[in-house]
PDB file of N, CA and C in Angstrom:
ATOM      1  N   MET A   1      52.292  74.035 -36.520  1.00  0.00           N
ATOM      2  CA  MET A   1      51.676  73.118 -35.565  1.00  0.00           C
ATOM      3  C   MET A   1      50.463  72.484 -36.235  1.00  0.00           C
ATOM      4  N   TYR A   2      50.336  71.193 -36.098  1.00  0.00           N
ATOM      5  CA  TYR A   2      49.249  70.441 -36.694  1.00  0.00           C
ATOM      6  C   TYR A   2      48.184  70.191 -35.635  1.00  0.00           C
ATOM      7  N   LEU A   3      46.966  70.688 -35.864  1.00  0.00           N
ATOM      8  CA  LEU A   3      45.878  70.498 -34.912  1.00  0.00           C
ATOM      9  C   LEU A   3      44.916  69.438 -35.429  1.00  0.00           C
ATOM     10  N   ARG A   4      44.377  68.677 -34.515  1.00  0.00           N
ATOM     11  CA  ARG A   4      43.421  67.634 -34.850  1.00  0.00           C
ATOM     12  C   ARG A   4      42.148  67.837 -34.053  1.00  0.00           C
ATOM     13  N   ILE A   5      41.082  67.240 -34.529  1.00  0.00           N
ATOM     14  CA  ILE A   5      39.830  67.237 -33.777  1.00  0.00           C
ATOM     15  C   ILE A   5      39.822  65.985 -32.923  1.00  0.00           C
ATOM     16  N   TYR A   6      39.610  66.182 -31.632  1.00  0.00           N
ATOM     17  CA  TYR A   6      39.593  65.072 -30.681  1.00  0.00           C
ATOM     18  C   TYR A   6      38.193  64.886 -30.113  1.00  0.00           C
ATOM     19  N   GLU A   7      37.907  63.658 -29.712  1.00  0.00           N
ATOM     20  CA  GLU A   7      36.694  63.336 -28.978  1.00  0.00           C
ATOM     21  C   GLU A   7      37.126  62.766 -27.638  1.00  0.00           C
ATOM     22  N   VAL A   8      36.593  63.338 -26.570  1.00  0.00           N
ATOM     23  CA  VAL A   8      36.889  62.867 -25.222  1.00  0.00           C
ATOM     24  C   VAL A   8      35.581  62.343 -24.635  1.00  0.00           C
ATOM     25  N   ASP A   9      35.517  61.047 -24.389  1.00  0.00           N
ATOM     26  CA  ASP A   9      34.343  60.407 -23.798  1.00  0.00           C
ATOM     27  C   ASP A   9      34.586  60.214 -22.308  1.00  0.00           C
ATOM     28  N   VAL A  10      33.750  60.844 -21.507  1.00  0.00           N
ATOM     29  CA  VAL A  10      33.937  60.809 -20.055  1.00  0.00           C
ATOM     30  C   VAL A  10      32.801  59.999 -19.421  1.00  0.00           C
ATOM     31  N   PRO A  11      33.127  58.865 -18.800  1.00  0.00           N
ATOM     32  CA  PRO A  11      32.088  58.084 -18.130  1.00  0.00           C
ATOM     33  C   PRO A  11      31.473  58.880 -16.978  1.00  0.00           C
ATOM     34  N   ILE A  12      30.146  58.744 -16.834  1.00  0.00           N
ATOM     35  CA  ILE A  12      29.424  59.404 -15.755  1.00  0.00           C
ATOM     36  C   ILE A  12      28.468  58.399 -15.121  1.00  0.00           C
ATOM     37  N   HIS A  13      28.012  58.727 -13.920  1.00  0.00           N
ATOM     38  CA  HIS A  13      27.005  57.888 -13.271  1.00  0.00           C
ATOM     39  C   HIS A  13      26.037  58.773 -12.488  1.00  0.00           C
ATOM     40  N   ASP A  14      24.855  58.248 -12.260  1.00  0.00           N
ATOM     41  CA  ASP A  14      23.823  58.946 -11.499  1.00  0.00           C
ATOM     42  C   ASP A  14      24.188  58.849 -10.023  1.00  0.00           C
ATOM     43  N   ALA A  15      24.316  59.984  -9.367  1.00  0.00           N
ATOM     44  CA  ALA A  15      24.701  59.999  -7.950  1.00  0.00           C
ATOM     45  C   ALA A  15      23.676  59.276  -7.076  1.00  0.00           C
ATOM     46  N   LEU A  16      22.408  59.291  -7.476  1.00  0.00           N
ATOM     47  CA  LEU A  16      21.368  58.627  -6.684  1.00  0.00           C
ATOM     48  C   LEU A  16      21.173  57.162  -7.059  1.00  0.00           C
ATOM     49  N   GLY A  17      21.665  56.782  -8.199  1.00  0.00           N
ATOM     50  CA  GLY A  17      21.556  55.392  -8.646  1.00  0.00           C
ATOM     51  C   GLY A  17      22.811  55.012  -9.406  1.00  0.00           C
ATOM     52  N   PRO A  18      23.908  54.724  -8.679  1.00  0.00           N
ATOM     53  CA  PRO A  18      25.202  54.484  -9.322  1.00  0.00           C
ATOM     54  C   PRO A  18      25.205  53.404 -10.399  1.00  0.00           C
ATOM     55  N   ALA A  19      24.191  52.552 -10.419  1.00  0.00           N
ATOM     56  CA  ALA A  19      24.132  51.525 -11.460  1.00  0.00           C
ATOM     57  C   ALA A  19      23.767  52.150 -12.808  1.00  0.00           C
ATOM     58  N   ARG A  20      23.167  53.337 -12.776  1.00  0.00           N
ATOM     59  CA  ARG A  20      22.831  54.049 -14.017  1.00  0.00           C
ATOM     60  C   ARG A  20      24.076  54.769 -14.507  1.00  0.00           C
ATOM     61  N   ARG A  21      24.501  54.442 -15.704  1.00  0.00           N
ATOM     62  CA  ARG A  21      25.742  54.989 -16.255  1.00  0.00           C
ATOM     63  C   ARG A  21      25.483  55.629 -17.610  1.00  0.00           C
ATOM     64  N   GLY A  22      26.383  56.514 -17.982  1.00  0.00           N
ATOM     65  CA  GLY A  22      26.298  57.175 -19.274  1.00  0.00           C
ATOM     66  C   GLY A  22      27.655  57.733 -19.650  1.00  0.00           C
ATOM     67  N   VAL A  23      27.657  58.613 -20.642  1.00  0.00           N
ATOM     68  CA  VAL A  23      28.897  59.210 -21.129  1.00  0.00           C
ATOM     69  C   VAL A  23      28.623  60.658 -21.528  1.00  0.00           C
ATOM     70  N   HIS A  24      29.474  61.562 -21.082  1.00  0.00           N
ATOM     71  CA  HIS A  24      29.503  62.916 -21.629  1.00  0.00           C
ATOM     72  C   HIS A  24      30.530  62.880 -22.750  1.00  0.00           C
ATOM     73  N   VAL A  25      30.175  63.413 -23.912  1.00  0.00           N
ATOM     74  CA  VAL A  25      31.069  63.428 -25.059  1.00  0.00           C
ATOM     75  C   VAL A  25      31.447  64.880 -25.357  1.00  0.00           C
ATOM     76  N   PHE A  26      32.742  65.134 -25.398  1.00  0.00           N
ATOM     77  CA  PHE A  26      33.260  66.459 -25.716  1.00  0.00           C
ATOM     78  C   PHE A  26      34.122  66.339 -26.959  1.00  0.00           C
ATOM     79  N   THR A  27      34.018  67.309 -27.867  1.00  0.00           N
ATOM     80  CA  THR A  27      34.852  67.315 -29.066  1.00  0.00           C
ATOM     81  C   THR A  27      35.412  68.707 -29.298  1.00  0.00           C
ATOM     82  N   GLY A  28      36.554  68.766 -29.948  1.00  0.00           N
ATOM     83  CA  GLY A  28      37.152  70.043 -30.281  1.00  0.00           C
ATOM     84  C   GLY A  28      38.557  69.878 -30.817  1.00  0.00           C
ATOM     85  N   VAL A  29      39.161  71.009 -31.129  1.00  0.00           N
ATOM     86  CA  VAL A  29      40.493  71.042 -31.715  1.00  0.00           C
ATOM     87  C   VAL A  29      41.543  71.117 -30.610  1.00  0.00           C
ATOM     88  N   ALA A  30      42.615  70.336 -30.766  1.00  0.00           N
ATOM     89  CA  ALA A  30      43.731  70.358 -29.809  1.00  0.00           C
ATOM     90  C   ALA A  30      44.990  69.885 -30.518  1.00  0.00           C
ATOM     91  N   ASP A  31      46.126  70.196 -29.901  1.00  0.00           N
ATOM     92  CA  ASP A  31      47.392  69.780 -30.517  1.00  0.00           C
ATOM     93  C   ASP A  31      47.941  68.484 -29.934  1.00  0.00           C
ATOM     94  N   SER A  32      47.261  67.916 -28.925  1.00  0.00           N
ATOM     95  CA  SER A  32      47.703  66.649 -28.335  1.00  0.00           C
ATOM     96  C   SER A  32      46.559  66.036 -27.535  1.00  0.00           C
ATOM     97  N   PRO A  33      46.633  64.751 -27.243  1.00  0.00           N
ATOM     98  CA  PRO A  33      45.613  64.128 -26.397  1.00  0.00           C
ATOM     99  C   PRO A  33      45.532  64.785 -25.015  1.00  0.00           C
ATOM    100  N   ALA A  34      46.681  65.170 -24.453  1.00  0.00           N
ATOM    101  CA  ALA A  34      46.676  65.818 -23.132  1.00  0.00           C
ATOM    102  C   ALA A  34      45.955  67.165 -23.187  1.00  0.00           C
ATOM    103  N   ALA A  35      46.177  67.922 -24.253  1.00  0.00           N
ATOM    104  CA  ALA A  35      45.500  69.214 -24.404  1.00  0.00           C
ATOM    105  C   ALA A  35      43.996  69.012 -24.585  1.00  0.00           C
ATOM    106  N   ALA A  36      43.604  67.966 -25.305  1.00  0.00           N
ATOM    107  CA  ALA A  36      42.185  67.668 -25.497  1.00  0.00           C
ATOM    108  C   ALA A  36      41.523  67.328 -24.163  1.00  0.00           C
ATOM    109  N   LEU A  37      42.184  66.533 -23.360  1.00  0.00           N
ATOM    110  CA  LEU A  37      41.638  66.174 -22.056  1.00  0.00           C
ATOM    111  C   LEU A  37      41.506  67.408 -21.160  1.00  0.00           C
ATOM    112  N   ARG A  38      42.506  68.280 -21.206  1.00  0.00           N
ATOM    113  CA  ARG A  38      42.461  69.517 -20.415  1.00  0.00           C
ATOM    114  C   ARG A  38      41.294  70.391 -20.850  1.00  0.00           C
ATOM    115  N   ARG A  39      41.096  70.554 -22.161  1.00  0.00           N
ATOM    116  CA  ARG A  39      39.996  71.382 -22.661  1.00  0.00           C
ATOM    117  C   ARG A  39      38.645  70.772 -22.304  1.00  0.00           C
ATOM    118  N   ALA A  40      38.528  69.454 -22.386  1.00  0.00           N
ATOM    119  CA  ALA A  40      37.266  68.802 -22.014  1.00  0.00           C
ATOM    120  C   ALA A  40      36.935  69.089 -20.562  1.00  0.00           C
ATOM    121  N   HIS A  41      37.931  69.031 -19.685  1.00  0.00           N
ATOM    122  CA  HIS A  41      37.698  69.341 -18.266  1.00  0.00           C
ATOM    123  C   HIS A  41      37.307  70.796 -18.089  1.00  0.00           C
ATOM    124  N   GLU A  42      37.953  71.705 -18.822  1.00  0.00           N
ATOM    125  CA  GLU A  42      37.626  73.131 -18.714  1.00  0.00           C
ATOM    126  C   GLU A  42      36.189  73.400 -19.168  1.00  0.00           C
ATOM    127  N   VAL A  43      35.788  72.772 -20.265  1.00  0.00           N
ATOM    128  CA  VAL A  43      34.429  72.941 -20.772  1.00  0.00           C
ATOM    129  C   VAL A  43      33.420  72.386 -19.779  1.00  0.00           C
ATOM    130  N   TYR A  44      33.710  71.222 -19.224  1.00  0.00           N
ATOM    131  CA  TYR A  44      32.809  70.626 -18.228  1.00  0.00           C
ATOM    132  C   TYR A  44      32.693  71.532 -17.012  1.00  0.00           C
ATOM    133  N   ASP A  45      33.824  72.021 -16.510  1.00  0.00           N
ATOM    134  CA  ASP A  45      33.795  72.898 -15.333  1.00  0.00           C
ATOM    135  C   ASP A  45      32.984  74.160 -15.593  1.00  0.00           C
ATOM    136  N   ALA A  46      33.131  74.762 -16.781  1.00  0.00           N
ATOM    137  CA  ALA A  46      32.380  75.975 -17.125  1.00  0.00           C
ATOM    138  C   ALA A  46      30.888  75.675 -17.236  1.00  0.00           C
ATOM    139  N   ALA A  47      30.549  74.543 -17.847  1.00  0.00           N
ATOM    140  CA  ALA A  47      29.139  74.164 -17.982  1.00  0.00           C
ATOM    141  C   ALA A  47      28.520  73.884 -16.622  1.00  0.00           C
ATOM    142  N   LEU A  48      29.245  73.197 -15.761  1.00  0.00           N
ATOM    143  CA  LEU A  48      28.746  72.886 -14.428  1.00  0.00           C
ATOM    144  C   LEU A  48      28.550  74.163 -13.609  1.00  0.00           C
ATOM    145  N   ALA A  49      29.492  75.090 -13.676  1.00  0.00           N
ATOM    146  CA  ALA A  49      29.374  76.363 -12.947  1.00  0.00           C
ATOM    147  C   ALA A  49      28.164  77.152 -13.442  1.00  0.00           C
ATOM    148  N   ALA A  50      27.954  77.176 -14.751  1.00  0.00           N
ATOM    149  CA  ALA A  50      26.802  77.893 -15.311  1.00  0.00           C
ATOM    150  C   ALA A  50      25.498  77.239 -14.865  1.00  0.00           C
ATOM    151  N   GLN A  51      25.447  75.912 -14.917  1.00  0.00           N
ATOM    152  CA  GLN A  51      24.240  75.191 -14.514  1.00  0.00           C
ATOM    153  C   GLN A  51      23.914  75.458 -13.049  1.00  0.00           C
ATOM    154  N   ARG A  52      24.912  75.407 -12.193  1.00  0.00           N
ATOM    155  CA  ARG A  52      24.701  75.644 -10.754  1.00  0.00           C
ATOM    156  C   ARG A  52      24.254  77.069 -10.470  1.00  0.00           C
ATOM    157  N   ALA A  53      24.691  78.020 -11.308  1.00  0.00           N
ATOM    158  CA  ALA A  53      24.323  79.423 -11.128  1.00  0.00           C
ATOM    159  C   ALA A  53      22.987  79.751 -11.798  1.00  0.00           C
ATOM    160  N   GLY A  54      22.380  78.761 -12.436  1.00  0.00           N
ATOM    161  CA  GLY A  54      21.111  78.978 -13.107  1.00  0.00           C
ATOM    162  C   GLY A  54      21.246  79.708 -14.433  1.00  0.00           C
ATOM    163  N   LEU A  55      22.444  79.683 -14.998  1.00  0.00           N
ATOM    164  CA  LEU A  55      22.701  80.358 -16.266  1.00  0.00           C
ATOM    165  C   LEU A  55      22.697  79.367 -17.416  1.00  0.00           C
ATOM    166  N   GLU A  56      22.626  79.894 -18.627  1.00  0.00           N
ATOM    167  CA  GLU A  56      22.698  79.046 -19.812  1.00  0.00           C
ATOM    168  C   GLU A  56      24.118  78.496 -19.963  1.00  0.00           C
ATOM    169  N   ILE A  57      24.218  77.251 -20.364  1.00  0.00           N
ATOM    170  CA  ILE A  57      25.528  76.625 -20.563  1.00  0.00           C
ATOM    171  C   ILE A  57      26.214  77.302 -21.747  1.00  0.00           C
ATOM    172  N   PRO A  58      27.489  77.683 -21.588  1.00  0.00           N
ATOM    173  CA  PRO A  58      28.197  78.344 -22.691  1.00  0.00           C
ATOM    174  C   PRO A  58      28.223  77.470 -23.940  1.00  0.00           C
ATOM    175  N   GLY A  59      28.116  78.090 -25.081  1.00  0.00           N
ATOM    176  CA  GLY A  59      28.143  77.371 -26.350  1.00  0.00           C
ATOM    177  C   GLY A  59      29.568  77.051 -26.767  1.00  0.00           C
ATOM    178  N   LYS A  60      29.693  76.695 -28.026  1.00  0.00           N
ATOM    179  CA  LYS A  60      31.022  76.340 -28.554  1.00  0.00           C
ATOM    180  C   LYS A  60      31.967  77.522 -28.493  1.00  0.00           C
ATOM    181  N   GLN A  61      33.197  77.228 -28.132  1.00  0.00           N
ATOM    182  CA  GLN A  61      34.258  78.216 -28.078  1.00  0.00           C
ATOM    183  C   GLN A  61      34.927  78.302 -29.456  1.00  0.00           C
ATOM    184  N   PRO A  62      35.796  79.287 -29.683  1.00  0.00           N
ATOM    185  CA  PRO A  62      36.459  79.405 -30.992  1.00  0.00           C
ATOM    186  C   PRO A  62      37.235  78.150 -31.417  1.00  0.00           C
ATOM    187  N   ASP A  63      37.705  77.359 -30.443  1.00  0.00           N
ATOM    188  CA  ASP A  63      38.425  76.128 -30.792  1.00  0.00           C
ATOM    189  C   ASP A  63      37.484  74.922 -30.910  1.00  0.00           C
ATOM    190  N   ASN A  64      36.181  75.211 -31.008  1.00  0.00           N
ATOM    191  CA  ASN A  64      35.119  74.220 -31.199  1.00  0.00           C
ATOM    192  C   ASN A  64      34.805  73.372 -29.975  1.00  0.00           C
ATOM    193  N   TRP A  65      35.410  73.639 -28.831  1.00  0.00           N
ATOM    194  CA  TRP A  65      35.059  72.908 -27.626  1.00  0.00           C
ATOM    195  C   TRP A  65      33.815  73.548 -27.019  1.00  0.00           C
ATOM    196  N   GLY A  66      32.919  72.737 -26.518  1.00  0.00           N
ATOM    197  CA  GLY A  66      31.716  73.246 -25.885  1.00  0.00           C
ATOM    198  C   GLY A  66      30.892  72.106 -25.327  1.00  0.00           C
ATOM    199  N   ALA A  67      29.874  72.462 -24.586  1.00  0.00           N
ATOM    200  CA  ALA A  67      28.950  71.475 -24.011  1.00  0.00           C
ATOM    201  C   ALA A  67      27.535  71.911 -24.359  1.00  0.00           C
ATOM    202  N   ARG A  68      26.695  70.966 -24.696  1.00  0.00           N
ATOM    203  CA  ARG A  68      25.297  71.286 -25.008  1.00  0.00           C
ATOM    204  C   ARG A  68      24.409  71.150 -23.789  1.00  0.00           C
ATOM    205  N   GLY A  69      24.801  70.307 -22.861  1.00  0.00           N
ATOM    206  CA  GLY A  69      23.986  70.101 -21.679  1.00  0.00           C
ATOM    207  C   GLY A  69      24.651  69.123 -20.736  1.00  0.00           C
ATOM    208  N   LEU A  70      24.191  69.159 -19.508  1.00  0.00           N
ATOM    209  CA  LEU A  70      24.679  68.229 -18.487  1.00  0.00           C
ATOM    210  C   LEU A  70      23.475  67.556 -17.844  1.00  0.00           C
ATOM    211  N   ARG A  71      23.666  66.359 -17.404  1.00  0.00           N
ATOM    212  CA  ARG A  71      22.595  65.654 -16.705  1.00  0.00           C
ATOM    213  C   ARG A  71      22.645  66.036 -15.232  1.00  0.00           C
ATOM    214  N   PRO A  72      21.610  66.717 -14.736  1.00  0.00           N
ATOM    215  CA  PRO A  72      21.597  67.094 -13.318  1.00  0.00           C
ATOM    216  C   PRO A  72      21.698  65.857 -12.422  1.00  0.00           C
ATOM    217  N   GLY A  73      22.556  65.938 -11.413  1.00  0.00           N
ATOM    218  CA  GLY A  73      22.708  64.841 -10.466  1.00  0.00           C
ATOM    219  C   GLY A  73      23.670  63.750 -10.907  1.00  0.00           C
ATOM    220  N   TRP A  74      24.219  63.876 -12.101  1.00  0.00           N
ATOM    221  CA  TRP A  74      25.180  62.884 -12.580  1.00  0.00           C
ATOM    222  C   TRP A  74      26.586  63.389 -12.336  1.00  0.00           C
ATOM    223  N   GLN A  75      27.509  62.479 -12.044  1.00  0.00           N
ATOM    224  CA  GLN A  75      28.883  62.852 -11.728  1.00  0.00           C
ATOM    225  C   GLN A  75      29.861  62.179 -12.682  1.00  0.00           C
ATOM    226  N   MET A  76      30.948  62.916 -12.975  1.00  0.00           N
ATOM    227  CA  MET A  76      32.007  62.335 -13.793  1.00  0.00           C
ATOM    228  C   MET A  76      32.771  61.306 -12.984  1.00  0.00           C
ATOM    229  N   GLU A  77      33.296  60.313 -13.679  1.00  0.00           N
ATOM    230  CA  GLU A  77      34.098  59.286 -12.992  1.00  0.00           C
ATOM    231  C   GLU A  77      35.563  59.553 -13.194  1.00  0.00           C
TER     232      GLU A  77
END
């Protein structure tokens, strides 16, 4: 199986000021674009759960997927 490093750019916006926009960038190893998108969502969900619980955001996983931080109050599109 041939694995590649993917970058998944997810548009986000400020819930209090929808005109303010940005991008969460996730990178890591996957065997297909669909798998990369799934891993990006999993990493985001884990980071969001940790942030809401007042815990440190999990670092990079063995497959190199991870999140460094999230913008409080911003939502994925």
